[in-house]
Amino acid sequence: MKAFFEGIQSLFVDFLFLPYDFFREMELSNWWGANTINWLFMIICSAAIVYWIKQLKLHKANNEENQDTTAHSFLK
């Protein structure tokens, strides 16, 4: 059983987290380059939030939103 967990550790440490080691080494010379993954995730999340808010406004404008407090069965 110990070998199984050591195999999982080896998979993550030796292979899957290898790109992060590169970014950690790069941080001392180029902060912006080292944080490209963080910036990418922030841009994707910002775009998703803007899309979600637009969809909420669209449903509210069409009166498709059910704002009744008993809309869910567990609130009855």
PDB file of N, CA and C in Angstrom:
ATOM      1  N   MET A   1       0.824  -1.189   0.000  1.00  0.00           N
ATOM      2  CA  MET A   1       0.000   0.000   0.000  1.00  0.00           C
ATOM      3  C   MET A   1       0.871   1.257   0.000  1.00  0.00           C
ATOM      4  N   LYS A   2       2.010   1.187   0.679  1.00  0.00           N
ATOM      5  CA  LYS A   2       2.913   2.329   0.731  1.00  0.00           C
ATOM      6  C   LYS A   2       3.450   2.653  -0.665  1.00  0.00           C
ATOM      7  N   ALA A   3       3.718   1.625  -1.447  1.00  0.00           N
ATOM      8  CA  ALA A   3       4.232   1.833  -2.805  1.00  0.00           C
ATOM      9  C   ALA A   3       3.208   2.545  -3.679  1.00  0.00           C
ATOM     10  N   PHE A   4       1.920   2.287  -3.456  1.00  0.00           N
ATOM     11  CA  PHE A   4       0.856   2.940  -4.213  1.00  0.00           C
ATOM     12  C   PHE A   4       0.885   4.447  -3.989  1.00  0.00           C
ATOM     13  N   PHE A   5       0.965   4.861  -2.731  1.00  0.00           N
ATOM     14  CA  PHE A   5       0.995   6.285  -2.421  1.00  0.00           C
ATOM     15  C   PHE A   5       2.304   6.934  -2.856  1.00  0.00           C
ATOM     16  N   GLU A   6       3.398   6.205  -2.793  1.00  0.00           N
ATOM     17  CA  GLU A   6       4.659   6.738  -3.297  1.00  0.00           C
ATOM     18  C   GLU A   6       4.611   6.888  -4.815  1.00  0.00           C
ATOM     19  N   GLY A   7       3.879   6.028  -5.484  1.00  0.00           N
ATOM     20  CA  GLY A   7       3.695   6.153  -6.926  1.00  0.00           C
ATOM     21  C   GLY A   7       2.898   7.393  -7.278  1.00  0.00           C
ATOM     22  N   ILE A   8       1.861   7.674  -6.488  1.00  0.00           N
ATOM     23  CA  ILE A   8       1.084   8.894  -6.702  1.00  0.00           C
ATOM     24  C   ILE A   8       1.962  10.118  -6.463  1.00  0.00           C
ATOM     25  N   GLN A   9       2.770  10.079  -5.406  1.00  0.00           N
ATOM     26  CA  GLN A   9       3.679  11.183  -5.119  1.00  0.00           C
ATOM     27  C   GLN A   9       4.658  11.388  -6.265  1.00  0.00           C
ATOM     28  N   SER A  10       5.201  10.311  -6.782  1.00  0.00           N
ATOM     29  CA  SER A  10       6.149  10.412  -7.881  1.00  0.00           C
ATOM     30  C   SER A  10       5.486  10.998  -9.126  1.00  0.00           C
ATOM     31  N   LEU A  11       4.259  10.606  -9.400  1.00  0.00           N
ATOM     32  CA  LEU A  11       3.536  11.130 -10.555  1.00  0.00           C
ATOM     33  C   LEU A  11       3.399  12.644 -10.472  1.00  0.00           C
ATOM     34  N   PHE A  12       2.953  13.128  -9.332  1.00  0.00           N
ATOM     35  CA  PHE A  12       2.731  14.571  -9.198  1.00  0.00           C
ATOM     36  C   PHE A  12       4.039  15.343  -9.107  1.00  0.00           C
ATOM     37  N   VAL A  13       4.964  14.916  -8.257  1.00  0.00           N
ATOM     38  CA  VAL A  13       6.193  15.674  -8.022  1.00  0.00           C
ATOM     39  C   VAL A  13       7.119  15.624  -9.231  1.00  0.00           C
ATOM     40  N   ASP A  14       7.265  14.472  -9.844  1.00  0.00           N
ATOM     41  CA  ASP A  14       8.244  14.315 -10.920  1.00  0.00           C
ATOM     42  C   ASP A  14       7.706  14.689 -12.297  1.00  0.00           C
ATOM     43  N   PHE A  15       6.385  14.665 -12.501  1.00  0.00           N
ATOM     44  CA  PHE A  15       5.858  14.898 -13.836  1.00  0.00           C
ATOM     45  C   PHE A  15       4.853  16.047 -13.909  1.00  0.00           C
ATOM     46  N   LEU A  16       3.783  15.987 -13.129  1.00  0.00           N
ATOM     47  CA  LEU A  16       2.702  16.946 -13.288  1.00  0.00           C
ATOM     48  C   LEU A  16       3.040  18.343 -12.765  1.00  0.00           C
ATOM     49  N   PHE A  17       3.867  18.449 -11.748  1.00  0.00           N
ATOM     50  CA  PHE A  17       4.236  19.752 -11.197  1.00  0.00           C
ATOM     51  C   PHE A  17       5.542  20.281 -11.783  1.00  0.00           C
ATOM     52  N   LEU A  18       6.086  19.613 -12.766  1.00  0.00           N
ATOM     53  CA  LEU A  18       7.350  20.037 -13.372  1.00  0.00           C
ATOM     54  C   LEU A  18       7.270  21.439 -13.980  1.00  0.00           C
ATOM     55  N   PRO A  19       6.182  21.805 -14.682  1.00  0.00           N
ATOM     56  CA  PRO A  19       6.114  23.187 -15.194  1.00  0.00           C
ATOM     57  C   PRO A  19       6.128  24.235 -14.085  1.00  0.00           C
ATOM     58  N   TYR A  20       5.566  23.929 -12.950  1.00  0.00           N
ATOM     59  CA  TYR A  20       5.563  24.889 -11.842  1.00  0.00           C
ATOM     60  C   TYR A  20       6.966  25.101 -11.285  1.00  0.00           C
ATOM     61  N   ASP A  21       7.804  24.085 -11.341  1.00  0.00           N
ATOM     62  CA  ASP A  21       9.199  24.270 -10.933  1.00  0.00           C
ATOM     63  C   ASP A  21       9.896  25.279 -11.846  1.00  0.00           C
ATOM     64  N   PHE A  22       9.575  25.211 -13.129  1.00  0.00           N
ATOM     65  CA  PHE A  22      10.140  26.173 -14.082  1.00  0.00           C
ATOM     66  C   PHE A  22       9.709  27.596 -13.729  1.00  0.00           C
ATOM     67  N   PHE A  23       8.427  27.785 -13.427  1.00  0.00           N
ATOM     68  CA  PHE A  23       7.931  29.110 -13.081  1.00  0.00           C
ATOM     69  C   PHE A  23       8.515  29.598 -11.754  1.00  0.00           C
ATOM     70  N   ARG A  24       8.735  28.694 -10.815  1.00  0.00           N
ATOM     71  CA  ARG A  24       9.333  29.079  -9.539  1.00  0.00           C
ATOM     72  C   ARG A  24      10.763  29.563  -9.746  1.00  0.00           C
ATOM     73  N   GLU A  25      11.505  28.908 -10.623  1.00  0.00           N
ATOM     74  CA  GLU A  25      12.870  29.342 -10.924  1.00  0.00           C
ATOM     75  C   GLU A  25      12.865  30.688 -11.647  1.00  0.00           C
ATOM     76  N   MET A  26      11.864  30.909 -12.501  1.00  0.00           N
ATOM     77  CA  MET A  26      11.789  32.135 -13.280  1.00  0.00           C
ATOM     78  C   MET A  26      11.418  33.346 -12.424  1.00  0.00           C
ATOM     79  N   GLU A  27      10.777  33.133 -11.289  1.00  0.00           N
ATOM     80  CA  GLU A  27      10.273  34.241 -10.481  1.00  0.00           C
ATOM     81  C   GLU A  27      11.372  35.214 -10.052  1.00  0.00           C
ATOM     82  N   LEU A  28      12.560  34.723  -9.831  1.00  0.00           N
ATOM     83  CA  LEU A  28      13.646  35.596  -9.380  1.00  0.00           C
ATOM     84  C   LEU A  28      14.097  36.559 -10.470  1.00  0.00           C
ATOM     85  N   SER A  29      13.895  36.189 -11.735  1.00  0.00           N
ATOM     86  CA  SER A  29      14.345  37.067 -12.817  1.00  0.00           C
ATOM     87  C   SER A  29      13.207  37.820 -13.489  1.00  0.00           C
ATOM     88  N   ASN A  30      12.025  37.232 -13.560  1.00  0.00           N
ATOM     89  CA  ASN A  30      10.918  37.867 -14.267  1.00  0.00           C
ATOM     90  C   ASN A  30       9.613  37.536 -13.555  1.00  0.00           C
ATOM     91  N   TRP A  31       9.114  38.468 -12.746  1.00  0.00           N
ATOM     92  CA  TRP A  31       7.899  38.228 -11.973  1.00  0.00           C
ATOM     93  C   TRP A  31       6.694  38.065 -12.869  1.00  0.00           C
ATOM     94  N   TRP A  32       6.563  38.891 -13.900  1.00  0.00           N
ATOM     95  CA  TRP A  32       5.395  38.833 -14.791  1.00  0.00           C
ATOM     96  C   TRP A  32       5.348  37.502 -15.531  1.00  0.00           C
ATOM     97  N   GLY A  33       6.484  37.037 -15.988  1.00  0.00           N
ATOM     98  CA  GLY A  33       6.524  35.758 -16.695  1.00  0.00           C
ATOM     99  C   GLY A  33       6.190  34.587 -15.790  1.00  0.00           C
ATOM    100  N   ALA A  34       6.612  34.665 -14.543  1.00  0.00           N
ATOM    101  CA  ALA A  34       6.371  33.579 -13.606  1.00  0.00           C
ATOM    102  C   ALA A  34       4.898  33.486 -13.215  1.00  0.00           C
ATOM    103  N   ASN A  35       4.168  34.594 -13.332  1.00  0.00           N
ATOM    104  CA  ASN A  35       2.769  34.598 -12.934  1.00  0.00           C
ATOM    105  C   ASN A  35       1.804  34.563 -14.117  1.00  0.00           C
ATOM    106  N   THR A  36       2.264  34.099 -15.261  1.00  0.00           N
ATOM    107  CA  THR A  36       1.395  34.050 -16.440  1.00  0.00           C
ATOM    108  C   THR A  36       0.195  33.140 -16.226  1.00  0.00           C
ATOM    109  N   ILE A  37       0.370  32.036 -15.541  1.00  0.00           N
ATOM    110  CA  ILE A  37      -0.755  31.124 -15.299  1.00  0.00           C
ATOM    111  C   ILE A  37      -1.790  31.795 -14.411  1.00  0.00           C
ATOM    112  N   ASN A  38      -1.346  32.522 -13.399  1.00  0.00           N
ATOM    113  CA  ASN A  38      -2.285  33.240 -12.532  1.00  0.00           C
ATOM    114  C   ASN A  38      -3.066  34.286 -13.319  1.00  0.00           C
ATOM    115  N   TRP A  39      -2.368  35.052 -14.166  1.00  0.00           N
ATOM    116  CA  TRP A  39      -3.049  36.067 -14.977  1.00  0.00           C
ATOM    117  C   TRP A  39      -4.037  35.416 -15.930  1.00  0.00           C
ATOM    118  N   LEU A  40      -3.669  34.288 -16.502  1.00  0.00           N
ATOM    119  CA  LEU A  40      -4.568  33.582 -17.416  1.00  0.00           C
ATOM    120  C   LEU A  40      -5.836  33.146 -16.694  1.00  0.00           C
ATOM    121  N   PHE A  41      -5.694  32.578 -15.505  1.00  0.00           N
ATOM    122  CA  PHE A  41      -6.867  32.161 -14.734  1.00  0.00           C
ATOM    123  C   PHE A  41      -7.741  33.352 -14.342  1.00  0.00           C
ATOM    124  N   MET A  42      -7.118  34.484 -13.994  1.00  0.00           N
ATOM    125  CA  MET A  42      -7.902  35.665 -13.633  1.00  0.00           C
ATOM    126  C   MET A  42      -8.683  36.200 -14.831  1.00  0.00           C
ATOM    127  N   ILE A  43      -8.085  36.170 -16.007  1.00  0.00           N
ATOM    128  CA  ILE A  43      -8.781  36.639 -17.208  1.00  0.00           C
ATOM    129  C   ILE A  43      -9.955  35.719 -17.541  1.00  0.00           C
ATOM    130  N   ILE A  44      -9.750  34.420 -17.452  1.00  0.00           N
ATOM    131  CA  ILE A  44     -10.828  33.470 -17.730  1.00  0.00           C
ATOM    132  C   ILE A  44     -11.969  33.635 -16.733  1.00  0.00           C
ATOM    133  N   CYS A  45     -11.650  33.766 -15.454  1.00  0.00           N
ATOM    134  CA  CYS A  45     -12.687  33.935 -14.430  1.00  0.00           C
ATOM    135  C   CYS A  45     -13.429  35.257 -14.602  1.00  0.00           C
ATOM    136  N   SER A  46     -12.717  36.315 -14.963  1.00  0.00           N
ATOM    137  CA  SER A  46     -13.377  37.609 -15.186  1.00  0.00           C
ATOM    138  C   SER A  46     -14.339  37.535 -16.359  1.00  0.00           C
ATOM    139  N   ALA A  47     -13.931  36.893 -17.431  1.00  0.00           N
ATOM    140  CA  ALA A  47     -14.815  36.741 -18.589  1.00  0.00           C
ATOM    141  C   ALA A  47     -16.039  35.903 -18.229  1.00  0.00           C
ATOM    142  N   ALA A  48     -15.857  34.858 -17.434  1.00  0.00           N
ATOM    143  CA  ALA A  48     -16.990  34.018 -17.031  1.00  0.00           C
ATOM    144  C   ALA A  48     -17.961  34.796 -16.149  1.00  0.00           C
ATOM    145  N   ILE A  49     -17.453  35.625 -15.259  1.00  0.00           N
ATOM    146  CA  ILE A  49     -18.324  36.419 -14.383  1.00  0.00           C
ATOM    147  C   ILE A  49     -19.117  37.441 -15.196  1.00  0.00           C
ATOM    148  N   VAL A  50     -18.463  38.101 -16.152  1.00  0.00           N
ATOM    149  CA  VAL A  50     -19.163  39.062 -17.002  1.00  0.00           C
ATOM    150  C   VAL A  50     -20.255  38.370 -17.798  1.00  0.00           C
ATOM    151  N   TYR A  51     -19.963  37.215 -18.369  1.00  0.00           N
ATOM    152  CA  TYR A  51     -20.965  36.455 -19.120  1.00  0.00           C
ATOM    153  C   TYR A  51     -22.132  36.058 -18.220  1.00  0.00           C
ATOM    154  N   TRP A  52     -21.837  35.599 -17.005  1.00  0.00           N
ATOM    155  CA  TRP A  52     -22.869  35.163 -16.081  1.00  0.00           C
ATOM    156  C   TRP A  52     -23.791  36.329 -15.701  1.00  0.00           C
ATOM    157  N   ILE A  53     -23.204  37.489 -15.427  1.00  0.00           N
ATOM    158  CA  ILE A  53     -24.013  38.649 -15.048  1.00  0.00           C
ATOM    159  C   ILE A  53     -24.891  39.099 -16.214  1.00  0.00           C
ATOM    160  N   LYS A  54     -24.356  39.055 -17.438  1.00  0.00           N
ATOM    161  CA  LYS A  54     -25.168  39.407 -18.603  1.00  0.00           C
ATOM    162  C   LYS A  54     -26.348  38.451 -18.752  1.00  0.00           C
ATOM    163  N   GLN A  55     -26.108  37.169 -18.534  1.00  0.00           N
ATOM    164  CA  GLN A  55     -27.189  36.192 -18.642  1.00  0.00           C
ATOM    165  C   GLN A  55     -28.237  36.412 -17.554  1.00  0.00           C
ATOM    166  N   LEU A  56     -27.804  36.748 -16.349  1.00  0.00           N
ATOM    167  CA  LEU A  56     -28.757  37.036 -15.272  1.00  0.00           C
ATOM    168  C   LEU A  56     -29.626  38.239 -15.609  1.00  0.00           C
ATOM    169  N   LYS A  57     -29.020  39.297 -16.157  1.00  0.00           N
ATOM    170  CA  LYS A  57     -29.786  40.475 -16.553  1.00  0.00           C
ATOM    171  C   LYS A  57     -30.761  40.145 -17.674  1.00  0.00           C
ATOM    172  N   LEU A  58     -30.346  39.308 -18.603  1.00  0.00           N
ATOM    173  CA  LEU A  58     -31.214  38.908 -19.716  1.00  0.00           C
ATOM    174  C   LEU A  58     -32.439  38.155 -19.211  1.00  0.00           C
ATOM    175  N   HIS A  59     -32.232  37.222 -18.288  1.00  0.00           N
ATOM    176  CA  HIS A  59     -33.359  36.460 -17.741  1.00  0.00           C
ATOM    177  C   HIS A  59     -34.273  37.353 -16.908  1.00  0.00           C
ATOM    178  N   LYS A  60     -33.698  38.303 -16.196  1.00  0.00           N
ATOM    179  CA  LYS A  60     -34.519  39.212 -15.391  1.00  0.00           C
ATOM    180  C   LYS A  60     -35.348  40.131 -16.292  1.00  0.00           C
ATOM    181  N   ALA A  61     -34.771  40.586 -17.399  1.00  0.00           N
ATOM    182  CA  ALA A  61     -35.493  41.461 -18.327  1.00  0.00           C
ATOM    183  C   ALA A  61     -36.652  40.733 -19.006  1.00  0.00           C
ATOM    184  N   ASN A  62     -36.521  39.432 -19.230  1.00  0.00           N
ATOM    185  CA  ASN A  62     -37.576  38.641 -19.862  1.00  0.00           C
ATOM    186  C   ASN A  62     -38.575  38.084 -18.850  1.00  0.00           C
ATOM    187  N   ASN A  63     -38.426  38.428 -17.581  1.00  0.00           N
ATOM    188  CA  ASN A  63     -39.276  37.917 -16.495  1.00  0.00           C
ATOM    189  C   ASN A  63     -39.289  36.396 -16.438  1.00  0.00           C
ATOM    190  N   GLU A  64     -38.159  35.796 -16.739  1.00  0.00           N
ATOM    191  CA  GLU A  64     -38.033  34.339 -16.674  1.00  0.00           C
ATOM    192  C   GLU A  64     -37.541  33.871 -15.304  1.00  0.00           C
ATOM    193  N   GLU A  65     -37.115  34.792 -14.488  1.00  0.00           N
ATOM    194  CA  GLU A  65     -36.554  34.434 -13.194  1.00  0.00           C
ATOM    195  C   GLU A  65     -37.676  34.238 -12.182  1.00  0.00           C
ATOM    196  N   ASN A  66     -37.663  33.123 -11.502  1.00  0.00           N
ATOM    197  CA  ASN A  66     -38.658  32.830 -10.479  1.00  0.00           C
ATOM    198  C   ASN A  66     -38.118  33.310  -9.141  1.00  0.00           C
ATOM    199  N   GLN A  67     -38.650  34.442  -8.656  1.00  0.00           N
ATOM    200  CA  GLN A  67     -38.160  35.011  -7.404  1.00  0.00           C
ATOM    201  C   GLN A  67     -39.051  34.660  -6.226  1.00  0.00           C
ATOM    202  N   ASP A  68     -39.921  33.697  -6.393  1.00  0.00           N
ATOM    203  CA  ASP A  68     -40.783  33.248  -5.311  1.00  0.00           C
ATOM    204  C   ASP A  68     -39.929  32.541  -4.260  1.00  0.00           C
ATOM    205  N   THR A  69     -40.208  32.807  -2.997  1.00  0.00           N
ATOM    206  CA  THR A  69     -39.399  32.189  -1.935  1.00  0.00           C
ATOM    207  C   THR A  69     -39.636  30.687  -1.834  1.00  0.00           C
ATOM    208  N   THR A  70     -40.704  30.191  -2.394  1.00  0.00           N
ATOM    209  CA  THR A  70     -40.963  28.740  -2.355  1.00  0.00           C
ATOM    210  C   THR A  70     -40.600  28.101  -3.684  1.00  0.00           C
ATOM    211  N   ALA A  71     -39.665  28.705  -4.433  1.00  0.00           N
ATOM    212  CA  ALA A  71     -39.244  28.158  -5.716  1.00  0.00           C
ATOM    213  C   ALA A  71     -38.575  26.807  -5.530  1.00  0.00           C
ATOM    214  N   HIS A  72     -37.973  26.591  -4.381  1.00  0.00           N
ATOM    215  CA  HIS A  72     -37.324  25.318  -4.101  1.00  0.00           C
ATOM    216  C   HIS A  72     -38.174  24.540  -3.110  1.00  0.00           C
ATOM    217  N   SER A  73     -38.209  23.247  -3.317  1.00  0.00           N
ATOM    218  CA  SER A  73     -39.072  22.403  -2.486  1.00  0.00           C
ATOM    219  C   SER A  73     -38.639  22.410  -1.017  1.00  0.00           C
ATOM    220  N   PHE A  74     -37.363  22.604  -0.746  1.00  0.00           N
ATOM    221  CA  PHE A  74     -36.894  22.556   0.641  1.00  0.00           C
ATOM    222  C   PHE A  74     -37.216  23.852   1.407  1.00  0.00           C
ATOM    223  N   LEU A  75     -37.738  24.880   0.726  1.00  0.00           N
ATOM    224  CA  LEU A  75     -38.086  26.144   1.402  1.00  0.00           C
ATOM    225  C   LEU A  75     -39.554  26.211   1.794  1.00  0.00           C
ATOM    226  N   LYS A  76     -40.331  25.189   1.487  1.00  0.00           N
ATOM    227  CA  LYS A  76     -41.769  25.205   1.797  1.00  0.00           C
ATOM    228  C   LYS A  76     -42.025  25.040   3.259  1.00  0.00           C
TER     229      LYS A  76
END
